[in-house]
Amino acid sequence: MSAIRKKSVSLVCPHCSRKIKWTWVIRYESLSFVRLVYLCGNCEQVIKTESEKNKFPSAFSSSSMLTQIV
């Protein structure tokens, strides 16, 4: 699953050297990881990427829930 949103920032883009007031944030989710990609609002180049392990809802990690489903 992925989602795109606008985020307010105050920094200088390393690619176009312009001061930017907002950035696009693209969020990609998989079963294992969540990855965030930040794009410049002017030149649309990648400014930063972040990734972290996806935290599963407790219902999926609970063995009692699995027993109820099966």
PDB file of N, CA and C in Angstrom:
ATOM      1  N   MET A   1       0.839  -1.166   0.000  1.00  0.00           N
ATOM      2  CA  MET A   1       0.000   0.000   0.000  1.00  0.00           C
ATOM      3  C   MET A   1       0.892   1.240   0.000  1.00  0.00           C
ATOM      4  N   SER A   2       0.450   2.273  -0.660  1.00  0.00           N
ATOM      5  CA  SER A   2       1.216   3.515  -0.671  1.00  0.00           C
ATOM      6  C   SER A   2       0.271   4.702  -0.533  1.00  0.00           C
ATOM      7  N   ALA A   3       0.837   5.809  -0.063  1.00  0.00           N
ATOM      8  CA  ALA A   3       0.072   7.040   0.113  1.00  0.00           C
ATOM      9  C   ALA A   3       0.997   8.225  -0.120  1.00  0.00           C
ATOM     10  N   ILE A   4       0.427   9.329  -0.598  1.00  0.00           N
ATOM     11  CA  ILE A   4       1.197  10.548  -0.848  1.00  0.00           C
ATOM     12  C   ILE A   4       0.542  11.687  -0.079  1.00  0.00           C
ATOM     13  N   ARG A   5       1.381  12.503   0.582  1.00  0.00           N
ATOM     14  CA  ARG A   5       0.857  13.677   1.274  1.00  0.00           C
ATOM     15  C   ARG A   5       1.865  14.810   1.201  1.00  0.00           C
ATOM     16  N   LYS A   6       1.406  16.003   1.489  1.00  0.00           N
ATOM     17  CA  LYS A   6       2.242  17.201   1.517  1.00  0.00           C
ATOM     18  C   LYS A   6       2.630  17.490   2.957  1.00  0.00           C
ATOM     19  N   LYS A   7       3.897  17.886   3.172  1.00  0.00           N
ATOM     20  CA  LYS A   7       4.355  18.199   4.518  1.00  0.00           C
ATOM     21  C   LYS A   7       5.080  19.540   4.496  1.00  0.00           C
ATOM     22  N   SER A   8       4.776  20.403   5.457  1.00  0.00           N
ATOM     23  CA  SER A   8       5.439  21.704   5.559  1.00  0.00           C
ATOM     24  C   SER A   8       6.845  21.532   6.111  1.00  0.00           C
ATOM     25  N   VAL A   9       7.810  22.170   5.456  1.00  0.00           N
ATOM     26  CA  VAL A   9       9.209  22.145   5.893  1.00  0.00           C
ATOM     27  C   VAL A   9       9.824  23.520   5.635  1.00  0.00           C
ATOM     28  N   SER A  10      11.003  23.721   6.137  1.00  0.00           N
ATOM     29  CA  SER A  10      11.753  24.937   5.849  1.00  0.00           C
ATOM     30  C   SER A  10      13.210  24.538   5.693  1.00  0.00           C
ATOM     31  N   LEU A  11      13.623  24.293   4.433  1.00  0.00           N
ATOM     32  CA  LEU A  11      14.997  23.891   4.163  1.00  0.00           C
ATOM     33  C   LEU A  11      15.394  24.246   2.742  1.00  0.00           C
ATOM     34  N   VAL A  12      16.655  24.046   2.433  1.00  0.00           N
ATOM     35  CA  VAL A  12      17.167  24.310   1.088  1.00  0.00           C
ATOM     36  C   VAL A  12      17.391  22.969   0.400  1.00  0.00           C
ATOM     37  N   CYS A  13      16.850  22.822  -0.794  1.00  0.00           N
ATOM     38  CA  CYS A  13      16.990  21.580  -1.556  1.00  0.00           C
ATOM     39  C   CYS A  13      18.446  21.429  -2.007  1.00  0.00           C
ATOM     40  N   PRO A  14      19.054  20.266  -1.791  1.00  0.00           N
ATOM     41  CA  PRO A  14      20.433  20.058  -2.226  1.00  0.00           C
ATOM     42  C   PRO A  14      20.576  19.935  -3.749  1.00  0.00           C
ATOM     43  N   HIS A  15      19.480  19.729  -4.470  1.00  0.00           N
ATOM     44  CA  HIS A  15      19.537  19.559  -5.920  1.00  0.00           C
ATOM     45  C   HIS A  15      19.349  20.873  -6.677  1.00  0.00           C
ATOM     46  N   CYS A  16      18.290  21.619  -6.327  1.00  0.00           N
ATOM     47  CA  CYS A  16      17.999  22.862  -7.058  1.00  0.00           C
ATOM     48  C   CYS A  16      18.454  24.115  -6.297  1.00  0.00           C
ATOM     49  N   SER A  17      18.937  23.947  -5.077  1.00  0.00           N
ATOM     50  CA  SER A  17      19.450  25.037  -4.226  1.00  0.00           C
ATOM     51  C   SER A  17      18.415  26.119  -3.925  1.00  0.00           C
ATOM     52  N   ARG A  18      17.154  25.784  -3.975  1.00  0.00           N
ATOM     53  CA  ARG A  18      16.089  26.733  -3.657  1.00  0.00           C
ATOM     54  C   ARG A  18      15.536  26.433  -2.273  1.00  0.00           C
ATOM     55  N   LYS A  19      15.081  27.482  -1.603  1.00  0.00           N
ATOM     56  CA  LYS A  19      14.433  27.297  -0.318  1.00  0.00           C
ATOM     57  C   LYS A  19      13.034  26.743  -0.566  1.00  0.00           C
ATOM     58  N   ILE A  20      12.702  25.655   0.108  1.00  0.00           N
ATOM     59  CA  ILE A  20      11.391  25.036  -0.090  1.00  0.00           C
ATOM     60  C   ILE A  20      10.564  25.137   1.177  1.00  0.00           C
ATOM     61  N   LYS A  21       9.262  25.292   0.993  1.00  0.00           N
ATOM     62  CA  LYS A  21       8.341  25.427   2.118  1.00  0.00           C
ATOM     63  C   LYS A  21       7.528  24.159   2.360  1.00  0.00           C
ATOM     64  N   TRP A  22       7.515  23.262   1.375  1.00  0.00           N
ATOM     65  CA  TRP A  22       6.791  22.000   1.535  1.00  0.00           C
ATOM     66  C   TRP A  22       7.481  20.912   0.717  1.00  0.00           C
ATOM     67  N   THR A  23       7.201  19.683   1.078  1.00  0.00           N
ATOM     68  CA  THR A  23       7.758  18.523   0.389  1.00  0.00           C
ATOM     69  C   THR A  23       6.663  17.478   0.218  1.00  0.00           C
ATOM     70  N   TRP A  24       6.790  16.662  -0.798  1.00  0.00           N
ATOM     71  CA  TRP A  24       5.907  15.507  -0.970  1.00  0.00           C
ATOM     72  C   TRP A  24       6.495  14.357  -0.172  1.00  0.00           C
ATOM     73  N   VAL A  25       5.645  13.635   0.539  1.00  0.00           N
ATOM     74  CA  VAL A  25       6.073  12.453   1.288  1.00  0.00           C
ATOM     75  C   VAL A  25       5.303  11.264   0.730  1.00  0.00           C
ATOM     76  N   ILE A  26       6.046  10.293   0.208  1.00  0.00           N
ATOM     77  CA  ILE A  26       5.427   9.072  -0.315  1.00  0.00           C
ATOM     78  C   ILE A  26       5.703   7.957   0.682  1.00  0.00           C
ATOM     79  N   ARG A  27       4.656   7.290   1.119  1.00  0.00           N
ATOM     80  CA  ARG A  27       4.779   6.219   2.114  1.00  0.00           C
ATOM     81  C   ARG A  27       4.438   4.889   1.439  1.00  0.00           C
ATOM     82  N   TYR A  28       5.411   3.972   1.453  1.00  0.00           N
ATOM     83  CA  TYR A  28       5.228   2.619   0.930  1.00  0.00           C
ATOM     84  C   TYR A  28       5.181   1.662   2.110  1.00  0.00           C
ATOM     85  N   GLU A  29       4.198   0.772   2.126  1.00  0.00           N
ATOM     86  CA  GLU A  29       4.091  -0.220   3.192  1.00  0.00           C
ATOM     87  C   GLU A  29       4.119  -1.617   2.614  1.00  0.00           C
ATOM     88  N   SER A  30       4.829  -2.495   3.300  1.00  0.00           N
ATOM     89  CA  SER A  30       4.805  -3.921   2.978  1.00  0.00           C
ATOM     90  C   SER A  30       4.604  -4.668   4.291  1.00  0.00           C
ATOM     91  N   LEU A  31       4.634  -5.979   4.233  1.00  0.00           N
ATOM     92  CA  LEU A  31       4.469  -6.746   5.466  1.00  0.00           C
ATOM     93  C   LEU A  31       5.630  -6.532   6.426  1.00  0.00           C
ATOM     94  N   SER A  32       6.826  -6.285   5.903  1.00  0.00           N
ATOM     95  CA  SER A  32       8.006  -6.179   6.743  1.00  0.00           C
ATOM     96  C   SER A  32       8.451  -4.754   7.046  1.00  0.00           C
ATOM     97  N   PHE A  33       8.294  -3.839   6.101  1.00  0.00           N
ATOM     98  CA  PHE A  33       8.856  -2.503   6.249  1.00  0.00           C
ATOM     99  C   PHE A  33       7.887  -1.400   5.850  1.00  0.00           C
ATOM    100  N   VAL A  34       8.174  -0.204   6.376  1.00  0.00           N
ATOM    101  CA  VAL A  34       7.525   1.030   5.963  1.00  0.00           C
ATOM    102  C   VAL A  34       8.645   1.926   5.457  1.00  0.00           C
ATOM    103  N   ARG A  35       8.500   2.458   4.252  1.00  0.00           N
ATOM    104  CA  ARG A  35       9.518   3.328   3.670  1.00  0.00           C
ATOM    105  C   ARG A  35       8.884   4.675   3.361  1.00  0.00           C
ATOM    106  N   LEU A  36       9.572   5.755   3.773  1.00  0.00           N
ATOM    107  CA  LEU A  36       9.144   7.117   3.478  1.00  0.00           C
ATOM    108  C   LEU A  36      10.144   7.740   2.524  1.00  0.00           C
ATOM    109  N   VAL A  37       9.638   8.361   1.455  1.00  0.00           N
ATOM    110  CA  VAL A  37      10.478   9.039   0.469  1.00  0.00           C
ATOM    111  C   VAL A  37      10.026  10.499   0.420  1.00  0.00           C
ATOM    112  N   TYR A  38      10.968  11.418   0.647  1.00  0.00           N
ATOM    113  CA  TYR A  38      10.678  12.856   0.642  1.00  0.00           C
ATOM    114  C   TYR A  38      11.166  13.455  -0.669  1.00  0.00           C
ATOM    115  N   LEU A  39      10.275  14.180  -1.369  1.00  0.00           N
ATOM    116  CA  LEU A  39      10.606  14.809  -2.648  1.00  0.00           C
ATOM    117  C   LEU A  39      10.532  16.325  -2.526  1.00  0.00           C
ATOM    118  N   CYS A  40      11.439  17.018  -3.207  1.00  0.00           N
ATOM    119  CA  CYS A  40      11.440  18.480  -3.248  1.00  0.00           C
ATOM    120  C   CYS A  40      10.158  18.967  -3.917  1.00  0.00           C
ATOM    121  N   GLY A  41       9.541  20.002  -3.360  1.00  0.00           N
ATOM    122  CA  GLY A  41       8.328  20.578  -3.929  1.00  0.00           C
ATOM    123  C   GLY A  41       8.573  21.352  -5.215  1.00  0.00           C
ATOM    124  N   ASN A  42       9.839  21.744  -5.471  1.00  0.00           N
ATOM    125  CA  ASN A  42      10.166  22.499  -6.688  1.00  0.00           C
ATOM    126  C   ASN A  42      10.651  21.602  -7.819  1.00  0.00           C
ATOM    127  N   CYS A  43      11.714  20.849  -7.577  1.00  0.00           N
ATOM    128  CA  CYS A  43      12.328  20.056  -8.654  1.00  0.00           C
ATOM    129  C   CYS A  43      11.920  18.581  -8.626  1.00  0.00           C
ATOM    130  N   GLU A  44      11.220  18.157  -7.582  1.00  0.00           N
ATOM    131  CA  GLU A  44      10.718  16.787  -7.419  1.00  0.00           C
ATOM    132  C   GLU A  44      11.816  15.724  -7.352  1.00  0.00           C
ATOM    133  N   GLN A  45      13.005  16.118  -6.941  1.00  0.00           N
ATOM    134  CA  GLN A  45      14.091  15.167  -6.720  1.00  0.00           C
ATOM    135  C   GLN A  45      13.993  14.620  -5.297  1.00  0.00           C
ATOM    136  N   VAL A  46      14.536  13.419  -5.067  1.00  0.00           N
ATOM    137  CA  VAL A  46      14.506  12.803  -3.744  1.00  0.00           C
ATOM    138  C   VAL A  46      15.445  13.557  -2.813  1.00  0.00           C
ATOM    139  N   ILE A  47      14.923  13.994  -1.684  1.00  0.00           N
ATOM    140  CA  ILE A  47      15.713  14.693  -0.678  1.00  0.00           C
ATOM    141  C   ILE A  47      16.190  13.720   0.389  1.00  0.00           C
ATOM    142  N   LYS A  48      15.312  12.795   0.782  1.00  0.00           N
ATOM    143  CA  LYS A  48      15.615  11.910   1.906  1.00  0.00           C
ATOM    144  C   LYS A  48      14.751  10.656   1.810  1.00  0.00           C
ATOM    145  N   THR A  49      15.274   9.539   2.301  1.00  0.00           N
ATOM    146  CA  THR A  49      14.476   8.319   2.441  1.00  0.00           C
ATOM    147  C   THR A  49      14.637   7.798   3.866  1.00  0.00           C
ATOM    148  N   GLU A  50      13.602   7.190   4.371  1.00  0.00           N
ATOM    149  CA  GLU A  50      13.620   6.566   5.694  1.00  0.00           C
ATOM    150  C   GLU A  50      12.950   5.212   5.585  1.00  0.00           C
ATOM    151  N   SER A  51      13.394   4.275   6.399  1.00  0.00           N
ATOM    152  CA  SER A  51      12.699   2.989   6.460  1.00  0.00           C
ATOM    153  C   SER A  51      12.718   2.483   7.894  1.00  0.00           C
ATOM    154  N   GLU A  52      11.684   1.735   8.228  1.00  0.00           N
ATOM    155  CA  GLU A  52      11.579   1.151   9.561  1.00  0.00           C
ATOM    156  C   GLU A  52      10.796  -0.143   9.448  1.00  0.00           C
ATOM    157  N   LYS A  53      10.942  -0.993  10.458  1.00  0.00           N
ATOM    158  CA  LYS A  53      10.185  -2.233  10.463  1.00  0.00           C
ATOM    159  C   LYS A  53       8.716  -1.928  10.694  1.00  0.00           C
ATOM    160  N   ASN A  54       7.867  -2.628   9.972  1.00  0.00           N
ATOM    161  CA  ASN A  54       6.430  -2.463  10.112  1.00  0.00           C
ATOM    162  C   ASN A  54       5.986  -3.147  11.396  1.00  0.00           C
ATOM    163  N   LYS A  55       5.211  -2.450  12.196  1.00  0.00           N
ATOM    164  CA  LYS A  55       4.703  -3.018  13.442  1.00  0.00           C
ATOM    165  C   LYS A  55       3.322  -3.604  13.168  1.00  0.00           C
ATOM    166  N   PHE A  56       3.208  -4.894  13.345  1.00  0.00           N
ATOM    167  CA  PHE A  56       1.946  -5.569  13.088  1.00  0.00           C
ATOM    168  C   PHE A  56       0.962  -5.286  14.210  1.00  0.00           C
ATOM    169  N   PRO A  57      -0.320  -5.260  13.908  1.00  0.00           N
ATOM    170  CA  PRO A  57      -1.326  -5.130  14.969  1.00  0.00           C
ATOM    171  C   PRO A  57      -1.239  -6.315  15.915  1.00  0.00           C
ATOM    172  N   SER A  58      -1.533  -6.098  17.163  1.00  0.00           N
ATOM    173  CA  SER A  58      -1.401  -7.149  18.168  1.00  0.00           C
ATOM    174  C   SER A  58      -2.296  -8.352  17.880  1.00  0.00           C
ATOM    175  N   ALA A  59      -3.389  -8.172  17.166  1.00  0.00           N
ATOM    176  CA  ALA A  59      -4.283  -9.285  16.851  1.00  0.00           C
ATOM    177  C   ALA A  59      -3.590 -10.336  16.001  1.00  0.00           C
ATOM    178  N   PHE A  60      -2.663  -9.931  15.136  1.00  0.00           N
ATOM    179  CA  PHE A  60      -1.966 -10.883  14.292  1.00  0.00           C
ATOM    180  C   PHE A  60      -0.881 -11.634  15.043  1.00  0.00           C
ATOM    181  N   SER A  61      -0.339 -11.041  16.089  1.00  0.00           N
ATOM    182  CA  SER A  61       0.740 -11.703  16.817  1.00  0.00           C
ATOM    183  C   SER A  61       0.218 -12.548  17.971  1.00  0.00           C
ATOM    184  N   SER A  62      -1.052 -12.457  18.257  1.00  0.00           N
ATOM    185  CA  SER A  62      -1.630 -13.191  19.375  1.00  0.00           C
ATOM    186  C   SER A  62      -1.974 -14.620  18.956  1.00  0.00           C
ATOM    187  N   SER A  63      -1.446 -15.595  19.682  1.00  0.00           N
ATOM    188  CA  SER A  63      -1.730 -16.992  19.350  1.00  0.00           C
ATOM    189  C   SER A  63      -3.181 -17.341  19.650  1.00  0.00           C
ATOM    190  N   SER A  64      -3.803 -16.687  20.642  1.00  0.00           N
ATOM    191  CA  SER A  64      -5.203 -16.976  20.939  1.00  0.00           C
ATOM    192  C   SER A  64      -6.110 -16.541  19.791  1.00  0.00           C
ATOM    193  N   MET A  65      -5.745 -15.471  19.126  1.00  0.00           N
ATOM    194  CA  MET A  65      -6.529 -15.009  17.962  1.00  0.00           C
ATOM    195  C   MET A  65      -6.423 -16.022  16.842  1.00  0.00           C
ATOM    196  N   LEU A  66      -5.227 -16.587  16.626  1.00  0.00           N
ATOM    197  CA  LEU A  66      -5.054 -17.596  15.593  1.00  0.00           C
ATOM    198  C   LEU A  66      -5.878 -18.833  15.903  1.00  0.00           C
ATOM    199  N   THR A  67      -5.940 -19.226  17.153  1.00  0.00           N
ATOM    200  CA  THR A  67      -6.722 -20.375  17.551  1.00  0.00           C
ATOM    201  C   THR A  67      -8.206 -20.141  17.271  1.00  0.00           C
ATOM    202  N   GLN A  68      -8.674 -18.916  17.509  1.00  0.00           N
ATOM    203  CA  GLN A  68     -10.079 -18.612  17.270  1.00  0.00           C
ATOM    204  C   GLN A  68     -10.405 -18.657  15.782  1.00  0.00           C
ATOM    205  N   ILE A  69      -9.469 -18.237  14.939  1.00  0.00           N
ATOM    206  CA  ILE A  69      -9.697 -18.211  13.500  1.00  0.00           C
ATOM    207  C   ILE A  69      -9.706 -19.619  12.944  1.00  0.00           C
ATOM    208  N   VAL A  70      -8.766 -20.456  13.378  1.00  0.00           N
ATOM    209  CA  VAL A  70      -8.644 -21.818  12.877  1.00  0.00           C
ATOM    210  C   VAL A  70      -9.713 -22.655  13.506  1.00  0.00           C
TER     211      VAL A  70
END
